[in-house]
Amino acid sequence: MIVSKIYLLRWRIEEYFKFKKQLFELEDLRVMSLQSIRNLNMFATIAAGYIAVINAEKDESIFILDKFLILGVSG
């Protein structure tokens, strides 16, 4: 049971990274340092969180909580 929960959490993390890479085309960017990669990742994370909040405010779907969990904005 615990293994399946961990797997599902990991799956959401993978989906989140896939979302960021596709939405912001991060694989097409070339950077020269690890710090640059970290900075790009941070800005992409902030932008993805902002997009999730804006969409959740407009969308009356029952899946709003799921959007927040996928993007790691749960509280």
Protein backbone atom coordinates (compact mmCIF):
# COMPACT_ATOMS: atom_id res chain seq x y z
CA MET A 1 0.00 0.00 0.00
CA ILE A 2 2.78 2.45 0.91
CA VAL A 3 4.71 1.57 -2.23
CA SER A 4 1.70 2.34 -4.42
CA LYS A 5 1.21 5.73 -2.71
CA ILE A 6 4.87 6.60 -3.23
CA TYR A 7 4.63 5.51 -6.86
CA LEU A 8 1.56 7.70 -7.42
CA LEU A 9 3.28 10.68 -5.84
CA ARG A 10 6.33 10.09 -8.02
CA TRP A 11 4.08 9.81 -11.07
CA ARG A 12 2.62 13.25 -10.32
CA ILE A 13 6.11 14.68 -10.02
CA GLU A 14 7.06 13.20 -13.39
CA GLU A 15 3.89 14.62 -14.96
CA TYR A 16 4.71 18.02 -13.48
CA PHE A 17 8.21 18.03 -14.96
CA LYS A 18 6.82 16.88 -18.30
CA PHE A 19 4.31 19.73 -18.18
CA LYS A 20 7.03 22.30 -17.46
CA LYS A 21 9.36 20.98 -20.15
CA GLN A 22 6.62 20.98 -22.79
CA LEU A 23 4.96 24.26 -21.86
CA PHE A 24 8.16 26.26 -21.58
CA GLU A 25 10.20 24.23 -24.11
CA LEU A 26 12.99 23.84 -21.59
CA GLU A 27 14.77 21.13 -23.55
CA ASP A 28 15.30 23.57 -26.42
CA LEU A 29 17.16 26.02 -24.20
CA ARG A 30 20.91 25.78 -23.87
CA VAL A 31 22.58 27.04 -20.73
CA MET A 32 26.18 27.07 -19.65
CA SER A 33 25.98 26.42 -15.92
CA LEU A 34 24.12 24.48 -13.27
CA GLN A 35 23.02 27.77 -11.68
CA SER A 36 21.40 28.78 -14.98
CA ILE A 37 19.47 25.51 -15.04
CA ARG A 38 18.34 26.08 -11.46
CA ASN A 39 17.23 29.61 -12.28
CA LEU A 40 15.26 28.47 -15.32
CA ASN A 41 13.63 25.72 -13.28
CA MET A 42 12.68 28.18 -10.53
CA PHE A 43 11.10 30.63 -12.98
CA ALA A 44 9.26 27.82 -14.77
CA THR A 45 7.95 26.57 -11.41
CA ILE A 46 6.72 30.03 -10.44
CA ALA A 47 5.07 30.49 -13.84
CA ALA A 48 3.41 27.05 -13.70
CA GLY A 49 2.08 27.80 -10.21
CA TYR A 50 0.70 31.12 -11.40
CA ILE A 51 -0.97 29.43 -14.38
CA ALA A 52 -2.53 26.83 -12.05
CA VAL A 53 -3.94 29.49 -9.73
CA ILE A 54 -5.38 31.52 -12.60
CA ASN A 55 -6.94 28.44 -14.18
CA ALA A 56 -8.37 27.28 -10.86
CA GLU A 57 -10.03 30.65 -10.34
CA LYS A 58 -11.68 30.51 -13.77
CA ASP A 59 -12.49 26.80 -13.82
CA GLU A 60 -15.38 25.47 -11.76
CA SER A 61 -14.30 21.89 -12.36
CA ILE A 62 -14.31 19.27 -9.61
CA PHE A 63 -10.66 18.65 -10.50
CA ILE A 64 -9.34 21.94 -9.11
CA LEU A 65 -7.76 20.15 -6.14
CA ASP A 66 -6.09 17.72 -8.53
CA LYS A 67 -4.53 20.61 -10.45
CA PHE A 68 -3.03 22.01 -7.27
CA LEU A 69 -1.70 18.62 -6.18
CA ILE A 70 -0.10 17.98 -9.55
CA LEU A 71 1.63 21.36 -9.47
CA GLY A 72 2.72 20.99 -5.86
CA VAL A 73 0.69 23.91 -4.55
CA SER A 74 -1.21 21.86 -1.98
CA GLY A 75 -1.60 23.35 1.44
